[in-house]
């Protein structure tokens, strides 16, 4: 609350950015390994399984980031006991949600995977990968939830180290288990499981360090604490939940208006889109501890300084991502899978149209984190829902009727652009209202 805002921002940006990047690299490397091993069918199977990751991330962020924002705000007000009560309530919530999700996925695995877009031809590959994610579901939720609290407890570098080491284990496992061990999709999923497990163990070591200030403190009113965590966390977490909805809708629309080749290319597109969105989320996660603490201390000008710095970062990243997709579409696809003539013909048009959303995605993702951190929960949730469910869903349903498969590829960029305008309106409306 007293340091130079620019230096603080950069101190938190690198660990948060690296952590978000490495988390997405888990699925990134999985897609490459599976695509090179099994070709387009394997990449299509990854597209079907991707919603599982979105659900896991949604639950972890809903409880983890929601509790971490309230912990940071309480510490900014000087109330550490209250902050630790929110930490404890968050752990209870994520444990309950994990148990419920675990039971649901174990009992209804096949109908859920068919709902995600699997047909009879893809189901064997999809099951080979998804079974590991479902059997060991808690391992995938714990690191994301804990990471939010480590960043707020002054340990962003430990969170970063955990993710990087876990990511390296995953990368090695993808190569070793998929190719030398010839385990295919099961090997890629097992490598991801082991990487997440290593990441969780390293993060848990924080609780044995003298610098750890996180303590288990039962909240005086658990129901109220749970409601507050959920209301705060929904803004950032709904991005991941709505991403699940969109991927399911896109998968089904592609199979309706396009071909399995289009779905295979979309498997690549979805993977790089998740990578880029994770980087934008990394920027948002970097500002959250700083903004929450300064908001709790009433230092609004410092919050706005950090917002400006993060917005510049998001815009630069967006321009870079679009240029990469525009200039190297076939190269990108070749990295991810053993291509055929149909894939090479379809890839440039798909990537170039879809990638335009990255110009605006950084604004919308960053805005949800900022609005959430200054307790503008309704505005944060409105931005998240509009970009990733309401407007996107409507455009994905309507545009293909008139434009065919092209409508699928341009729906998301249009939605992201319109939502970015609303997001900036909310951010600057709050700023002028407070300064008036």
Protein backbone atom coordinates (compact mmCIF):
# COMPACT_ATOMS: atom_id res chain seq x y z
CA UNK A 1 0.00 0.00 0.00
CA UNK A 2 3.05 2.28 0.12
CA UNK A 3 5.46 1.03 -2.54
CA UNK A 4 5.84 2.46 -6.03
CA UNK A 5 2.77 1.21 -7.99
CA UNK A 6 4.77 0.48 -11.13
CA UNK A 7 7.37 -1.59 -9.27
CA UNK A 8 4.68 -3.42 -7.33
CA UNK A 9 2.82 -4.20 -10.53
CA UNK A 10 5.92 -5.65 -12.17
CA UNK A 11 6.77 -7.59 -8.98
CA UNK A 12 3.41 -9.37 -9.15
CA UNK A 13 3.07 -9.48 -12.94
CA UNK A 14 5.93 -11.87 -13.70
CA UNK A 15 4.94 -14.58 -11.16
CA UNK A 16 1.21 -14.34 -11.98
CA UNK A 17 1.83 -14.23 -15.71
CA UNK A 18 4.26 -17.15 -15.59
CA UNK A 19 1.90 -19.19 -13.41
CA UNK A 20 -1.07 -18.61 -15.73
CA UNK A 21 1.10 -19.36 -18.75
CA UNK A 22 2.40 -22.64 -17.37
CA UNK A 23 -1.07 -23.79 -16.29
CA UNK A 24 -2.34 -23.38 -19.85
CA UNK A 25 0.81 -25.01 -21.23
CA UNK A 26 -0.36 -28.22 -19.55
CA UNK A 27 -3.21 -28.54 -22.09
CA UNK A 28 -1.09 -26.85 -24.77
CA UNK A 29 1.57 -29.58 -24.65
CA UNK A 30 -1.08 -32.28 -24.27
CA UNK A 31 -2.69 -31.15 -27.52
CA UNK A 32 0.65 -31.18 -29.35
CA UNK A 33 1.54 -34.65 -28.06
CA UNK A 34 -1.89 -36.10 -28.82
CA UNK A 35 -2.13 -34.38 -32.21
CA UNK A 36 1.25 -35.67 -33.31
CA UNK A 37 0.47 -39.16 -31.97
CA UNK A 38 -3.14 -39.62 -33.14
CA UNK A 39 -3.58 -36.88 -35.78
CA UNK A 40 -6.87 -34.95 -36.27
CA UNK A 41 -9.02 -37.48 -34.31
CA UNK A 42 -6.84 -36.97 -31.24
CA UNK A 43 -7.04 -33.18 -31.53
CA UNK A 44 -10.81 -33.38 -31.96
CA UNK A 45 -10.97 -35.51 -28.79
CA UNK A 46 -9.03 -32.82 -26.89
CA UNK A 47 -11.62 -30.25 -28.04
CA UNK A 48 -14.34 -32.42 -26.52
CA UNK A 49 -12.49 -32.85 -23.20
CA UNK A 50 -11.55 -29.15 -22.87
CA UNK A 51 -14.81 -28.22 -21.03
CA UNK A 52 -13.71 -30.42 -18.12
CA UNK A 53 -10.73 -28.12 -17.52
CA UNK A 54 -13.06 -25.14 -17.66
CA UNK A 55 -15.33 -26.61 -14.98
CA UNK A 56 -12.37 -27.42 -12.72
CA UNK A 57 -10.97 -23.90 -13.11
CA UNK A 58 -14.40 -22.35 -12.52
CA UNK A 59 -14.82 -24.08 -9.17
CA UNK A 60 -11.27 -23.32 -8.04
CA UNK A 61 -11.45 -19.63 -8.97
CA UNK A 62 -14.98 -19.20 -7.61
CA UNK A 63 -13.80 -20.20 -4.13
CA UNK A 64 -10.10 -19.32 -4.31
CA UNK A 65 -10.17 -15.86 -5.89
CA UNK A 66 -13.41 -14.95 -4.09
CA UNK A 67 -11.83 -15.72 -0.73
CA UNK A 68 -8.49 -14.15 -1.69
CA UNK A 69 -10.09 -10.82 -2.67
CA UNK A 70 -11.86 -10.65 0.70
CA UNK A 71 -8.67 -11.67 2.51
CA UNK A 72 -6.72 -8.90 0.75
CA UNK A 73 -9.40 -6.31 1.49
CA UNK A 74 -9.55 -7.33 5.17
CA UNK A 75 -5.77 -7.06 5.50
CA UNK A 76 -5.91 -3.63 3.86
CA UNK A 77 -8.31 -2.65 6.62
CA UNK A 78 -5.89 -4.09 9.20
CA UNK A 79 -8.08 -7.04 10.18
CA UNK A 80 -5.97 -10.20 9.73
CA UNK A 81 -8.32 -12.37 11.80
CA UNK A 82 -11.22 -11.62 9.48
CA UNK A 83 -9.04 -12.32 6.45
CA UNK A 84 -8.08 -15.76 7.77
CA UNK A 85 -11.73 -16.53 8.44
CA UNK A 86 -12.41 -15.95 4.73
CA UNK A 87 -9.45 -18.21 3.91
CA UNK A 88 -10.93 -21.01 6.03
CA UNK A 89 -14.41 -20.55 4.57
CA UNK A 90 -12.93 -20.74 1.07
CA UNK A 91 -11.23 -24.06 1.84
CA UNK A 92 -14.51 -25.49 3.12
CA UNK A 93 -16.37 -24.33 0.02
CA UNK A 94 -13.89 -25.72 -2.48
CA UNK A 95 -13.86 -29.05 -0.63
CA UNK A 96 -17.66 -29.33 -0.79
CA UNK A 97 -17.83 -28.38 -4.47
CA UNK A 98 -15.03 -30.80 -5.30
CA UNK A 99 -16.88 -33.69 -3.67
CA UNK A 100 -20.12 -32.89 -5.49
CA UNK A 101 -18.41 -32.53 -8.88
CA UNK A 102 -16.44 -35.71 -8.32
CA UNK A 103 -19.58 -37.76 -7.70
CA UNK A 104 -21.44 -36.26 -10.68
CA UNK A 105 -18.62 -36.92 -13.15
CA UNK A 106 -17.99 -40.45 -11.90
CA UNK A 107 -21.66 -41.43 -12.20
CA UNK A 108 -22.58 -39.61 -15.42
CA UNK A 109 -19.28 -39.57 -17.34
CA UNK A 110 -20.49 -40.89 -20.71
CA UNK A 111 -23.64 -38.74 -21.13
CA UNK A 112 -21.66 -35.67 -20.05
CA UNK A 113 -18.94 -36.35 -22.63
CA UNK A 114 -21.57 -36.85 -25.35
CA UNK A 115 -23.10 -33.52 -24.34
CA UNK A 116 -19.64 -31.97 -24.73
CA UNK A 117 -19.63 -33.07 -28.39
CA UNK A 118 -18.33 -36.65 -28.50
CA UNK A 119 -19.89 -39.05 -31.00
CA UNK A 120 -19.41 -42.81 -31.33
CA UNK A 121 -16.28 -42.46 -33.46
CA UNK A 122 -14.54 -40.09 -31.01
CA UNK A 123 -15.71 -41.68 -27.75
CA UNK A 124 -12.81 -44.19 -27.35
CA UNK A 125 -10.20 -41.41 -27.61
CA UNK A 126 -12.23 -39.09 -25.40
CA UNK A 127 -12.67 -41.73 -22.68
CA UNK A 128 -8.95 -42.63 -22.75
CA UNK A 129 -8.08 -39.03 -21.81
CA UNK A 130 -11.04 -37.98 -19.65
CA UNK A 131 -10.95 -40.93 -17.24
CA UNK A 132 -7.75 -39.67 -15.57
CA UNK A 133 -9.18 -36.17 -15.12
CA UNK A 134 -12.35 -37.56 -13.55
CA UNK A 135 -10.71 -40.17 -11.28
CA UNK A 136 -8.29 -37.62 -9.79
CA UNK A 137 -10.45 -34.49 -9.99
CA UNK A 138 -9.31 -32.94 -6.63
CA UNK A 139 -5.71 -32.78 -7.86
CA UNK A 140 -6.79 -30.42 -10.65
CA UNK A 141 -8.69 -28.00 -8.38
CA UNK A 142 -6.22 -27.57 -5.51
CA UNK A 143 -3.35 -25.65 -7.21
CA UNK A 144 -5.53 -22.92 -8.74
CA UNK A 145 -7.37 -22.33 -5.47
CA UNK A 146 -4.21 -22.27 -3.35
CA UNK A 147 -2.32 -20.06 -5.80
CA UNK A 148 -4.73 -17.18 -5.25
CA UNK A 149 -4.04 -17.19 -1.50
CA UNK A 150 -0.27 -17.54 -1.90
CA UNK A 151 -0.19 -14.39 -4.03
CA UNK A 152 -2.15 -12.52 -1.35
CA UNK A 153 0.12 -13.87 1.39
CA UNK A 154 3.26 -12.41 -0.13
CA UNK A 155 4.42 -15.60 -1.87
CA UNK A 156 3.82 -14.99 -5.61
CA UNK A 157 7.25 -16.44 -6.47
CA UNK A 158 6.51 -19.73 -4.72
CA UNK A 159 3.24 -20.00 -6.64
CA UNK A 160 5.17 -19.32 -9.84
CA UNK A 161 7.87 -21.87 -8.99
CA UNK A 162 5.25 -24.52 -8.25
CA UNK A 163 3.53 -24.02 -11.58
CA UNK A 164 6.79 -23.92 -13.56
CA UNK A 165 8.18 -27.09 -11.95
CA UNK A 166 4.85 -28.86 -12.35
CA UNK A 167 4.71 -27.71 -15.97
CA UNK A 168 8.19 -29.06 -16.69
CA UNK A 169 7.18 -32.42 -15.19
CA UNK A 170 4.09 -32.40 -17.39
CA UNK A 171 6.06 -31.59 -20.55
CA UNK A 172 8.52 -34.41 -19.90
CA UNK A 173 5.67 -36.77 -19.06
CA UNK A 174 3.85 -35.92 -22.29
CA UNK A 175 6.88 -36.94 -24.32
CA UNK A 176 7.83 -39.99 -22.26
CA UNK A 177 4.37 -41.47 -21.66
CA UNK A 178 2.84 -40.72 -25.07
CA UNK A 179 5.73 -41.79 -27.32
CA UNK A 180 8.37 -44.09 -25.69
CA UNK A 181 5.72 -45.72 -23.45
CA UNK A 182 3.17 -45.67 -26.31
CA UNK A 183 0.29 -44.73 -23.97
CA UNK A 184 -1.30 -42.21 -26.36
CA UNK A 185 -4.12 -40.09 -24.94
CA UNK A 186 -3.99 -41.86 -21.57
CA UNK A 187 -0.30 -40.96 -21.29
CA UNK A 188 -0.98 -37.27 -21.98
CA UNK A 189 -3.70 -37.17 -19.32
CA UNK A 190 -1.50 -39.00 -16.80
CA UNK A 191 1.34 -36.54 -17.43
CA UNK A 192 -1.01 -33.65 -16.69
CA UNK A 193 -2.17 -35.36 -13.49
CA UNK A 194 1.40 -35.86 -12.25
CA UNK A 195 2.33 -32.25 -13.10
CA UNK A 196 -0.65 -30.92 -11.15
CA UNK A 197 0.20 -33.14 -8.20
CA UNK A 198 3.77 -31.81 -8.06
CA UNK A 199 2.43 -28.27 -8.28
CA UNK A 200 0.02 -28.82 -5.37
CA UNK A 201 2.73 -30.32 -3.12
CA UNK A 202 5.07 -27.37 -3.68
CA UNK A 203 2.30 -24.89 -2.90
CA UNK A 204 1.39 -26.74 0.29
CA UNK A 205 4.97 -26.23 1.50
CA UNK A 206 4.10 -22.55 2.04
CA UNK A 207 2.16 -23.50 5.17
CA UNK A 208 5.39 -24.74 6.77
CA UNK A 209 7.31 -21.50 6.11
CA UNK A 210 7.81 -18.93 8.91
CA UNK A 211 6.55 -16.16 6.61
CA UNK A 212 3.13 -17.83 6.18
CA UNK A 213 0.39 -15.71 7.76
CA UNK A 214 -2.52 -17.92 6.67
CA UNK A 215 -4.28 -19.56 9.60
CA UNK A 216 -7.40 -21.69 10.02
CA UNK A 217 -9.97 -19.46 11.74
CA UNK A 218 -13.62 -20.49 11.75
CA UNK A 219 -15.82 -17.59 10.59
CA UNK A 220 -18.27 -16.33 13.20
CA UNK A 221 -21.08 -16.57 10.64
CA UNK A 222 -20.14 -19.27 8.08
CA UNK A 223 -23.25 -18.84 5.92
CA UNK A 224 -22.60 -15.13 5.44
CA UNK A 225 -18.92 -15.80 4.67
CA UNK A 226 -19.83 -18.43 2.07
CA UNK A 227 -22.33 -16.10 0.38
CA UNK A 228 -19.83 -13.25 0.26
CA UNK A 229 -17.06 -15.44 -1.19
CA UNK A 230 -19.40 -16.72 -3.90
CA UNK A 231 -20.72 -13.25 -4.75
CA UNK A 232 -17.18 -11.87 -5.07
CA UNK A 233 -15.70 -14.89 -6.86
CA UNK A 234 -18.44 -15.29 -9.44
CA UNK A 235 -17.19 -12.39 -11.58
CA UNK A 236 -13.79 -13.88 -12.41
CA UNK A 237 -14.84 -17.53 -12.25
CA UNK A 238 -17.80 -17.16 -14.59
CA UNK A 239 -15.30 -16.54 -17.39
CA UNK A 240 -14.16 -20.14 -17.12
CA UNK A 241 -17.63 -21.56 -16.60
CA UNK A 242 -19.02 -19.69 -19.56
CA UNK A 243 -16.02 -20.83 -21.61
CA UNK A 244 -17.28 -24.36 -20.97
CA UNK A 245 -20.71 -23.38 -22.30
CA UNK A 246 -19.19 -21.75 -25.37
CA UNK A 247 -16.89 -24.66 -26.21
CA UNK A 248 -19.81 -27.08 -25.96
CA UNK A 249 -21.93 -24.82 -28.17
CA UNK A 250 -19.12 -24.30 -30.68
CA UNK A 251 -18.36 -28.05 -30.81
CA UNK A 252 -21.99 -28.83 -31.60
CA UNK A 253 -22.35 -25.96 -34.10
CA UNK A 254 -19.20 -27.08 -35.94
CA UNK A 255 -20.53 -30.62 -36.24
CA UNK A 256 -23.84 -29.20 -37.49
CA UNK A 257 -22.53 -26.70 -40.05
CA UNK A 258 -19.02 -28.01 -40.71
CA UNK A 259 -16.99 -31.21 -40.65
CA UNK A 260 -14.76 -33.22 -38.33
CA UNK A 261 -11.81 -31.48 -40.01
CA UNK A 262 -13.19 -28.14 -38.81
CA UNK A 263 -13.52 -29.60 -35.31
CA UNK A 264 -9.91 -30.82 -35.42
CA UNK A 265 -8.71 -27.32 -36.37
CA UNK A 266 -10.91 -25.85 -33.65
CA UNK A 267 -9.16 -28.18 -31.19
CA UNK A 268 -5.98 -26.25 -32.01
CA UNK A 269 -7.78 -22.89 -31.91
CA UNK A 270 -9.35 -23.67 -28.52
CA UNK A 271 -5.96 -24.63 -27.10
CA UNK A 272 -4.19 -21.44 -28.17
CA UNK A 273 -7.24 -19.38 -27.16
CA UNK A 274 -7.02 -20.93 -23.68
CA UNK A 275 -3.31 -20.11 -23.61
CA UNK A 276 -3.91 -16.46 -24.54
CA UNK A 277 -6.84 -16.11 -22.14
CA UNK A 278 -4.66 -17.53 -19.37
CA UNK A 279 -2.08 -14.82 -20.07
CA UNK A 280 -4.76 -12.14 -19.81
CA UNK A 281 -5.96 -13.74 -16.57
CA UNK A 282 -2.35 -13.64 -15.35
CA UNK A 283 -2.39 -9.86 -15.76
CA UNK A 284 -5.69 -9.72 -13.86
CA UNK A 285 -4.37 -11.93 -11.08
CA UNK A 286 -1.28 -9.72 -10.78
CA UNK A 287 -3.31 -6.60 -10.01
CA UNK A 288 -5.84 -8.29 -7.71
CA UNK A 289 -3.76 -8.31 -4.47
CA UNK A 290 -2.57 -4.74 -5.04
CA UNK A 291 -5.98 -3.31 -5.95
CA UNK A 292 -7.86 -5.20 -3.21
CA UNK A 293 -5.49 -4.02 -0.47
CA UNK A 294 -5.46 -0.40 -1.65
CA UNK A 295 -9.22 -0.38 -2.10
CA UNK A 296 -9.60 -1.62 1.49
CA UNK A 297 -7.27 1.20 2.63
CA UNK A 298 -9.23 3.82 0.66
CA UNK A 299 -6.37 4.60 -1.75
CA UNK A 300 -8.34 4.79 -4.97
CA UNK A 301 -5.73 6.72 -6.94
CA UNK A 302 -3.26 3.87 -6.56
CA UNK A 303 -5.90 1.43 -7.81
CA UNK A 304 -6.34 3.52 -10.94
CA UNK A 305 -2.58 3.75 -11.54
CA UNK A 306 -2.32 -0.04 -11.49
CA UNK A 307 -5.33 -0.31 -13.83
CA UNK A 308 -3.61 1.89 -16.44
CA UNK A 309 -0.43 -0.17 -16.31
CA UNK A 310 -2.30 -3.44 -16.69
CA UNK A 311 -4.48 -2.13 -19.55
CA UNK A 312 -1.38 -1.24 -21.58
CA UNK A 313 -0.02 -4.74 -21.00
CA UNK A 314 -3.29 -6.36 -22.12
CA UNK A 315 -3.50 -4.26 -25.29
CA UNK A 316 0.09 -5.04 -26.30
CA UNK A 317 -0.48 -8.74 -25.74
CA UNK A 318 -3.67 -8.65 -27.81
CA UNK A 319 -1.96 -7.07 -30.81
CA UNK A 320 0.89 -9.59 -30.61
CA UNK A 321 -1.46 -12.59 -30.43
CA UNK A 322 -3.45 -11.44 -33.47
CA UNK A 323 -0.31 -10.91 -35.53
CA UNK A 324 0.96 -14.41 -34.73
CA UNK A 325 -2.32 -16.01 -35.84
CA UNK A 326 -2.61 -13.85 -38.96
CA UNK A 327 0.94 -14.46 -40.17
CA UNK A 328 1.53 -18.11 -39.23
CA UNK A 329 -1.78 -20.08 -39.31
CA UNK A 330 -0.51 -23.20 -41.09
CA UNK A 331 2.70 -23.23 -39.02
CA UNK A 332 0.60 -23.19 -35.83
CA UNK A 333 -1.49 -26.13 -36.99
CA UNK A 334 1.57 -28.14 -38.02
CA UNK A 335 2.98 -27.73 -34.51
CA UNK A 336 -0.14 -29.24 -32.98
CA UNK A 337 -0.91 -32.20 -35.21
CA UNK A 338 0.10 -34.43 -38.09
CA UNK A 339 -1.80 -32.52 -40.78
CA UNK A 340 -3.50 -33.60 -43.98
CA UNK A 341 -4.58 -31.61 -47.04
CA UNK A 342 -8.05 -30.87 -45.63
CA UNK A 343 -6.62 -29.43 -42.41
CA UNK A 344 -4.13 -27.22 -44.28
CA UNK A 345 -6.93 -25.88 -46.49
CA UNK A 346 -9.26 -25.08 -43.58
CA UNK A 347 -6.80 -23.72 -41.01
CA UNK A 348 -5.89 -20.24 -42.39
CA UNK A 349 -9.47 -19.02 -42.72
CA UNK A 350 -10.46 -20.34 -39.30
CA UNK A 351 -7.48 -18.93 -37.39
CA UNK A 352 -7.51 -15.54 -39.09
CA UNK A 353 -11.21 -14.96 -38.45
CA UNK A 354 -11.33 -16.30 -34.91
CA UNK A 355 -8.11 -14.59 -33.74
CA UNK A 356 -9.59 -11.09 -34.06
CA UNK A 357 -11.17 -11.61 -30.64
CA UNK A 358 -7.73 -11.33 -28.99
CA UNK A 359 -7.69 -7.59 -29.72
CA UNK A 360 -10.53 -7.15 -27.22
CA UNK A 361 -10.25 -10.17 -24.92
CA UNK A 362 -7.59 -8.60 -22.71
CA UNK A 363 -9.86 -5.65 -21.94
CA UNK A 364 -12.83 -7.81 -20.95
CA UNK A 365 -10.84 -10.31 -18.86
CA UNK A 366 -8.83 -7.60 -17.09
CA UNK A 367 -11.98 -5.57 -16.38
CA UNK A 368 -13.64 -8.46 -14.57
CA UNK A 369 -10.66 -8.81 -12.23
CA UNK A 370 -10.42 -5.05 -11.61
CA UNK A 371 -14.14 -4.57 -10.99
CA UNK A 372 -14.14 -7.60 -8.71
CA UNK A 373 -11.17 -6.22 -6.73
CA UNK A 374 -12.96 -2.90 -6.07
CA UNK A 375 -16.09 -4.82 -4.99
CA UNK A 376 -18.12 -3.93 -8.10
CA UNK A 377 -19.38 -7.50 -8.22
CA UNK A 378 -22.50 -6.94 -10.33
CA UNK A 379 -20.60 -5.09 -13.04
CA UNK A 380 -17.85 -7.72 -13.04
CA UNK A 381 -20.38 -10.52 -13.42
CA UNK A 382 -22.30 -8.60 -16.11
CA UNK A 383 -19.15 -8.27 -18.23
CA UNK A 384 -18.22 -11.92 -17.76
CA UNK A 385 -21.71 -13.23 -18.55
CA UNK A 386 -22.20 -10.99 -21.56
CA UNK A 387 -18.91 -11.89 -23.22
CA UNK A 388 -19.01 -15.56 -22.50
CA UNK A 389 -22.64 -16.62 -22.44
CA UNK A 390 -25.43 -14.20 -23.33
CA UNK A 391 -24.10 -12.26 -26.31
CA UNK A 392 -21.67 -14.92 -27.51
CA UNK A 393 -24.30 -17.63 -27.24
CA UNK A 394 -26.84 -15.60 -29.19
CA UNK A 395 -24.37 -14.80 -31.98
CA UNK A 396 -23.17 -18.42 -32.17
CA UNK A 397 -26.77 -19.58 -32.50
CA UNK A 398 -27.88 -16.97 -35.06
CA UNK A 399 -24.93 -16.13 -37.31
CA UNK A 400 -24.40 -19.68 -38.67
CA UNK A 401 -28.01 -19.71 -39.88
CA UNK A 402 -27.13 -16.96 -42.35
CA UNK A 403 -23.39 -17.47 -42.85
CA UNK A 404 -22.88 -21.19 -42.27
CA UNK A 405 -19.63 -22.26 -40.64
CA UNK A 406 -18.17 -18.76 -41.14
CA UNK A 407 -20.71 -17.48 -38.64
CA UNK A 408 -19.16 -19.73 -35.98
CA UNK A 409 -15.71 -18.22 -36.49
CA UNK A 410 -16.76 -14.53 -36.42
CA UNK A 411 -19.32 -14.74 -33.60
CA UNK A 412 -16.73 -14.58 -30.82
CA UNK A 413 -14.74 -11.58 -32.13
CA UNK A 414 -17.95 -9.56 -32.54
CA UNK A 415 -19.11 -10.48 -29.04
CA UNK A 416 -15.72 -9.66 -27.50
CA UNK A 417 -15.61 -6.24 -29.17
CA UNK A 418 -19.06 -5.20 -27.97
CA UNK A 419 -18.41 -6.44 -24.44
CA UNK A 420 -15.08 -4.58 -24.24
CA UNK A 421 -16.93 -1.31 -24.83
CA UNK A 422 -19.28 -2.04 -21.91
CA UNK A 423 -16.38 -3.14 -19.68
CA UNK A 424 -14.50 0.12 -20.20
CA UNK A 425 -17.70 2.05 -19.50
CA UNK A 426 -18.08 0.32 -16.12
CA UNK A 427 -14.43 0.89 -15.16
CA UNK A 428 -14.36 4.58 -16.03
CA UNK A 429 -17.85 5.26 -14.71
CA UNK A 430 -16.70 4.03 -11.30
CA UNK A 431 -13.55 6.12 -11.52
CA UNK A 432 -15.34 9.37 -12.33
CA UNK A 433 -18.09 8.72 -9.78
CA UNK A 434 -15.56 8.26 -7.00
CA UNK A 435 -13.47 11.25 -7.99
CA UNK A 436 -16.45 13.59 -8.36
